[in-house]
């Protein structure tokens, strides 16, 4: 099944929060629309801890809901260890972003961590790829790099390809 993915905004932790119910209804409508076109709808990880996201997926009650797993987003938002989260969300992962980042500064409310070139942040790409193999993920690994300088972006993406080839060959 083909899939579409995006961030839907922050899913509140409290399922009784009116915003939780509003996001839930919106995602159900998106899933229903996507299903008519033979598609799944994937939420990108980042702003919620894995257990909150898992509960939300269960509450959506649609077979065509999944996860686009972005380990750097979890780190940069400070929502949890992405390698541990892979185990929690394993059966729902449809696609994976290979992206790296640093944790937000502790004690600064609302701080966001910084994206880094793949292999230079806190993800731990060797462990991340090993966990993907362990959970049986066989889908694509999409390299994502958000930096304004196009030359830097090309250099970083080339470095990411080389790093992933090395890790996957080991």
C-alpha atoms as a PDB file:
ATOM      1  CA  UNK A   1       0.000   0.000   0.000  1.00  0.00           C
ATOM      2  CA  UNK A   2       1.317   3.456  -0.869  1.00  0.00           C
ATOM      3  CA  UNK A   3       1.529   5.906   1.974  1.00  0.00           C
ATOM      4  CA  UNK A   4       1.467   9.599   2.729  1.00  0.00           C
ATOM      5  CA  UNK A   5       3.088  11.040   5.835  1.00  0.00           C
ATOM      6  CA  UNK A   6       3.207  14.290   7.752  1.00  0.00           C
ATOM      7  CA  UNK A   7       3.262  15.887  11.159  1.00  0.00           C
ATOM      8  CA  UNK A   8      -0.241  16.497  12.453  1.00  0.00           C
ATOM      9  CA  UNK A   9       0.847  18.825  15.197  1.00  0.00           C
ATOM     10  CA  UNK A  10       1.086  18.016  18.870  1.00  0.00           C
ATOM     11  CA  UNK A  11      -1.061  15.122  20.109  1.00  0.00           C
ATOM     12  CA  UNK A  12      -1.940  15.910  23.737  1.00  0.00           C
ATOM     13  CA  UNK A  13      -0.964  13.272  26.310  1.00  0.00           C
ATOM     14  CA  UNK A  14      -4.403  13.417  27.948  1.00  0.00           C
ATOM     15  CA  UNK A  15      -6.934  11.608  25.782  1.00  0.00           C
ATOM     16  CA  UNK A  16      -9.732  13.580  27.511  1.00  0.00           C
ATOM     17  CA  UNK A  17      -8.273  16.875  26.285  1.00  0.00           C
ATOM     18  CA  UNK A  18     -10.609  18.403  23.671  1.00  0.00           C
ATOM     19  CA  UNK A  19      -7.588  18.931  21.402  1.00  0.00           C
ATOM     20  CA  UNK A  20      -6.819  15.186  21.577  1.00  0.00           C
ATOM     21  CA  UNK A  21     -10.342  14.435  20.407  1.00  0.00           C
ATOM     22  CA  UNK A  22     -10.088  17.050  17.643  1.00  0.00           C
ATOM     23  CA  UNK A  23      -6.800  15.610  16.324  1.00  0.00           C
ATOM     24  CA  UNK A  24      -8.220  12.102  16.611  1.00  0.00           C
ATOM     25  CA  UNK A  25     -11.248  13.026  14.502  1.00  0.00           C
ATOM     26  CA  UNK A  26      -9.101  14.782  11.903  1.00  0.00           C
ATOM     27  CA  UNK A  27      -6.720  11.809  11.562  1.00  0.00           C
ATOM     28  CA  UNK A  28      -9.638   9.397  11.228  1.00  0.00           C
ATOM     29  CA  UNK A  29     -11.043  11.502   8.373  1.00  0.00           C
ATOM     30  CA  UNK A  30      -7.627  11.606   6.681  1.00  0.00           C
ATOM     31  CA  UNK A  31      -7.249   7.819   7.025  1.00  0.00           C
ATOM     32  CA  UNK A  32     -10.733   7.266   5.599  1.00  0.00           C
ATOM     33  CA  UNK A  33      -9.962   9.530   2.634  1.00  0.00           C
ATOM     34  CA  UNK A  34      -6.561   7.902   2.047  1.00  0.00           C
ATOM     35  CA  UNK A  35      -8.094   4.424   2.133  1.00  0.00           C
ATOM     36  CA  UNK A  36     -10.396   5.356  -0.775  1.00  0.00           C
ATOM     37  CA  UNK A  37      -7.200   5.884  -2.791  1.00  0.00           C
ATOM     38  CA  UNK A  38      -5.434   2.732  -1.580  1.00  0.00           C
ATOM     39  CA  UNK A  39      -3.124   4.660   0.734  1.00  0.00           C
ATOM     40  CA  UNK A  40      -2.027   4.524   4.328  1.00  0.00           C
ATOM     41  CA  UNK A  41      -1.549   7.655   6.392  1.00  0.00           C
ATOM     42  CA  UNK A  42       1.605   7.878   8.493  1.00  0.00           C
ATOM     43  CA  UNK A  43       2.282  10.167  11.413  1.00  0.00           C
ATOM     44  CA  UNK A  44       5.843  11.339  11.815  1.00  0.00           C
ATOM     45  CA  UNK A  45       7.466  10.813  15.189  1.00  0.00           C
ATOM     46  CA  UNK A  46       8.750  13.734  17.159  1.00  0.00           C
ATOM     47  CA  UNK A  47       6.497  15.698  19.423  1.00  0.00           C
ATOM     48  CA  UNK A  48       5.069  12.808  21.444  1.00  0.00           C
ATOM     49  CA  UNK A  49       6.663  10.020  23.468  1.00  0.00           C
ATOM     50  CA  UNK A  50       6.325   6.593  21.838  1.00  0.00           C
ATOM     51  CA  UNK A  51       3.711   5.333  24.311  1.00  0.00           C
ATOM     52  CA  UNK A  52       1.484   8.382  23.683  1.00  0.00           C
ATOM     53  CA  UNK A  53       1.789   7.882  19.934  1.00  0.00           C
ATOM     54  CA  UNK A  54       1.019   4.159  20.240  1.00  0.00           C
ATOM     55  CA  UNK A  55      -2.108   4.849  22.295  1.00  0.00           C
ATOM     56  CA  UNK A  56      -3.169   7.450  19.726  1.00  0.00           C
ATOM     57  CA  UNK A  57      -2.727   4.963  16.857  1.00  0.00           C
ATOM     58  CA  UNK A  58      -4.882   2.469  18.739  1.00  0.00           C
ATOM     59  CA  UNK A  59      -7.526   5.138  19.373  1.00  0.00           C
ATOM     60  CA  UNK A  60      -7.633   6.052  15.660  1.00  0.00           C
ATOM     61  CA  UNK A  61      -8.991   2.540  15.013  1.00  0.00           C
ATOM     62  CA  UNK A  62      -7.993   2.446  11.337  1.00  0.00           C
ATOM     63  CA  UNK A  63      -5.981  -0.293   9.642  1.00  0.00           C
ATOM     64  CA  UNK A  64      -4.283   2.172   7.302  1.00  0.00           C
ATOM     65  CA  UNK A  65      -2.581   4.285   9.996  1.00  0.00           C
ATOM     66  CA  UNK A  66       1.160   3.976  10.435  1.00  0.00           C
ATOM     67  CA  UNK A  67       4.385   5.659  11.509  1.00  0.00           C
ATOM     68  CA  UNK A  68       7.050   7.510   9.581  1.00  0.00           C
ATOM     69  CA  UNK A  69       9.844   7.079  12.121  1.00  0.00           C
ATOM     70  CA  UNK A  70      12.245  10.004  12.484  1.00  0.00           C
ATOM     71  CA  UNK A  71      14.765   9.365  15.293  1.00  0.00           C
ATOM     72  CA  UNK A  72      16.199  12.873  15.247  1.00  0.00           C
ATOM     73  CA  UNK A  73      12.805  14.452  15.849  1.00  0.00           C
ATOM     74  CA  UNK A  74      12.395  12.451  19.038  1.00  0.00           C
ATOM     75  CA  UNK A  75      15.786  13.638  20.241  1.00  0.00           C
ATOM     76  CA  UNK A  76      15.388  17.267  19.153  1.00  0.00           C
ATOM     77  CA  UNK A  77      11.953  17.516  20.827  1.00  0.00           C
ATOM     78  CA  UNK A  78      13.271  15.654  23.875  1.00  0.00           C
ATOM     79  CA  UNK A  79      10.443  13.103  23.791  1.00  0.00           C
ATOM     80  CA  UNK A  80      12.419   9.905  24.244  1.00  0.00           C
ATOM     81  CA  UNK A  81      15.104   7.499  23.191  1.00  0.00           C
ATOM     82  CA  UNK A  82      14.438   6.638  19.541  1.00  0.00           C
ATOM     83  CA  UNK A  83      16.005   3.186  19.774  1.00  0.00           C
ATOM     84  CA  UNK A  84      13.695   2.242  22.634  1.00  0.00           C
ATOM     85  CA  UNK A  85      10.771   3.832  20.744  1.00  0.00           C
ATOM     86  CA  UNK A  86      11.460   1.556  17.761  1.00  0.00           C
ATOM     87  CA  UNK A  87      10.560  -1.393  19.952  1.00  0.00           C
ATOM     88  CA  UNK A  88       7.343   0.248  21.132  1.00  0.00           C
ATOM     89  CA  UNK A  89       6.177   1.280  17.652  1.00  0.00           C
ATOM     90  CA  UNK A  90       7.722  -1.577  15.624  1.00  0.00           C
ATOM     91  CA  UNK A  91       4.570  -3.066  14.117  1.00  0.00           C
ATOM     92  CA  UNK A  92       3.345   0.334  12.943  1.00  0.00           C
ATOM     93  CA  UNK A  93       6.496   1.605  11.196  1.00  0.00           C
ATOM     94  CA  UNK A  94       5.942   2.081   7.470  1.00  0.00           C
ATOM     95  CA  UNK A  95       8.871   4.367   6.643  1.00  0.00           C
ATOM     96  CA  UNK A  96      12.057   5.670   8.269  1.00  0.00           C
ATOM     97  CA  UNK A  97      13.945   8.944   8.072  1.00  0.00           C
ATOM     98  CA  UNK A  98      17.673   8.776   8.619  1.00  0.00           C
ATOM     99  CA  UNK A  99      18.336  12.053  10.383  1.00  0.00           C
ATOM    100  CA  UNK A 100      20.445  12.998  13.381  1.00  0.00           C
ATOM    101  CA  UNK A 101      20.257  15.653  16.048  1.00  0.00           C
ATOM    102  CA  UNK A 102      21.179  16.801  19.528  1.00  0.00           C
ATOM    103  CA  UNK A 103      18.991  16.935  22.625  1.00  0.00           C
ATOM    104  CA  UNK A 104      17.508  20.307  23.628  1.00  0.00           C
ATOM    105  CA  UNK A 105      19.283  22.321  26.296  1.00  0.00           C
ATOM    106  CA  UNK A 106      18.107  21.074  29.706  1.00  0.00           C
ATOM    107  CA  UNK A 107      16.155  23.477  31.837  1.00  0.00           C
ATOM    108  CA  UNK A 108      15.118  25.729  28.951  1.00  0.00           C
ATOM    109  CA  UNK A 109      11.354  25.500  28.484  1.00  0.00           C
ATOM    110  CA  UNK A 110      10.326  24.944  24.884  1.00  0.00           C
ATOM    111  CA  UNK A 111      13.909  24.492  23.690  1.00  0.00           C
ATOM    112  CA  UNK A 112      14.421  22.450  20.549  1.00  0.00           C
ATOM    113  CA  UNK A 113      17.549  20.460  19.863  1.00  0.00           C
ATOM    114  CA  UNK A 114      19.711  21.058  16.801  1.00  0.00           C
ATOM    115  CA  UNK A 115      19.787  18.897  13.679  1.00  0.00           C
ATOM    116  CA  UNK A 116      23.216  17.473  12.844  1.00  0.00           C
ATOM    117  CA  UNK A 117      24.706  15.630   9.879  1.00  0.00           C
ATOM    118  CA  UNK A 118      23.957  11.915  10.035  1.00  0.00           C
ATOM    119  CA  UNK A 119      26.309  10.184  12.456  1.00  0.00           C
ATOM    120  CA  UNK A 120      27.250  13.399  14.278  1.00  0.00           C
ATOM    121  CA  UNK A 121      24.304  13.637  16.641  1.00  0.00           C
ATOM    122  CA  UNK A 122      22.856  11.655  19.524  1.00  0.00           C
ATOM    123  CA  UNK A 123      20.869   9.030  17.576  1.00  0.00           C
ATOM    124  CA  UNK A 124      23.608   6.394  17.427  1.00  0.00           C
ATOM    125  CA  UNK A 125      23.102   5.230  13.862  1.00  0.00           C
ATOM    126  CA  UNK A 126      24.811   1.851  14.317  1.00  0.00           C
ATOM    127  CA  UNK A 127      22.456   0.960  17.176  1.00  0.00           C
ATOM    128  CA  UNK A 128      19.498   2.467  15.317  1.00  0.00           C
ATOM    129  CA  UNK A 129      20.100   0.346  12.206  1.00  0.00           C
ATOM    130  CA  UNK A 130      20.717  -2.735  14.365  1.00  0.00           C
ATOM    131  CA  UNK A 131      17.367  -2.182  16.115  1.00  0.00           C
ATOM    132  CA  UNK A 132      15.616  -1.728  12.752  1.00  0.00           C
ATOM    133  CA  UNK A 133      17.011  -5.100  11.680  1.00  0.00           C
ATOM    134  CA  UNK A 134      15.998  -6.659  15.009  1.00  0.00           C
ATOM    135  CA  UNK A 135      12.357  -5.542  14.652  1.00  0.00           C
ATOM    136  CA  UNK A 136      12.267  -6.814  11.063  1.00  0.00           C
ATOM    137  CA  UNK A 137      12.014  -3.479   9.274  1.00  0.00           C
ATOM    138  CA  UNK A 138      12.814  -3.937   5.570  1.00  0.00           C
ATOM    139  CA  UNK A 139      11.479  -0.693   4.095  1.00  0.00           C
ATOM    140  CA  UNK A 140      13.381   2.248   2.681  1.00  0.00           C
ATOM    141  CA  UNK A 141      15.766   4.448   4.628  1.00  0.00           C
ATOM    142  CA  UNK A 142      15.121   8.026   3.490  1.00  0.00           C
ATOM    143  CA  UNK A 143      17.902  10.486   4.237  1.00  0.00           C
ATOM    144  CA  UNK A 144      16.556  13.802   5.483  1.00  0.00           C
ATOM    145  CA  UNK A 145      18.778  16.826   5.952  1.00  0.00           C
ATOM    146  CA  UNK A 146      17.321  20.265   6.597  1.00  0.00           C
ATOM    147  CA  UNK A 147      20.011  22.874   6.075  1.00  0.00           C
ATOM    148  CA  UNK A 148      19.764  26.042   4.005  1.00  0.00           C
ATOM    149  CA  UNK A 149      23.111  25.897   2.177  1.00  0.00           C
ATOM    150  CA  UNK A 150      22.522  23.595  -0.834  1.00  0.00           C
ATOM    151  CA  UNK A 151      26.221  22.715  -1.126  1.00  0.00           C
ATOM    152  CA  UNK A 152      26.366  21.744   2.544  1.00  0.00           C
ATOM    153  CA  UNK A 153      23.189  19.732   2.126  1.00  0.00           C
ATOM    154  CA  UNK A 154      24.724  17.769  -0.773  1.00  0.00           C
ATOM    155  CA  UNK A 155      27.932  17.135   1.185  1.00  0.00           C
ATOM    156  CA  UNK A 156      25.994  15.994   4.236  1.00  0.00           C
ATOM    157  CA  UNK A 157      23.733  13.733   2.192  1.00  0.00           C
ATOM    158  CA  UNK A 158      26.712  12.173   0.424  1.00  0.00           C
ATOM    159  CA  UNK A 159      28.326  11.543   3.793  1.00  0.00           C
ATOM    160  CA  UNK A 160      25.049  10.024   5.035  1.00  0.00           C
ATOM    161  CA  UNK A 161      24.902   7.628   2.076  1.00  0.00           C
ATOM    162  CA  UNK A 162      28.458   6.486   2.747  1.00  0.00           C
ATOM    163  CA  UNK A 163      27.765   6.048   6.466  1.00  0.00           C
ATOM    164  CA  UNK A 164      24.622   4.008   5.858  1.00  0.00           C
ATOM    165  CA  UNK A 165      26.364   1.796   3.288  1.00  0.00           C
ATOM    166  CA  UNK A 166      29.135   1.112   5.793  1.00  0.00           C
ATOM    167  CA  UNK A 167      26.698   0.299   8.603  1.00  0.00           C
ATOM    168  CA  UNK A 168      24.491  -1.882   6.417  1.00  0.00           C
ATOM    169  CA  UNK A 169      27.494  -3.792   5.043  1.00  0.00           C
ATOM    170  CA  UNK A 170      28.759  -4.667   8.550  1.00  0.00           C
END
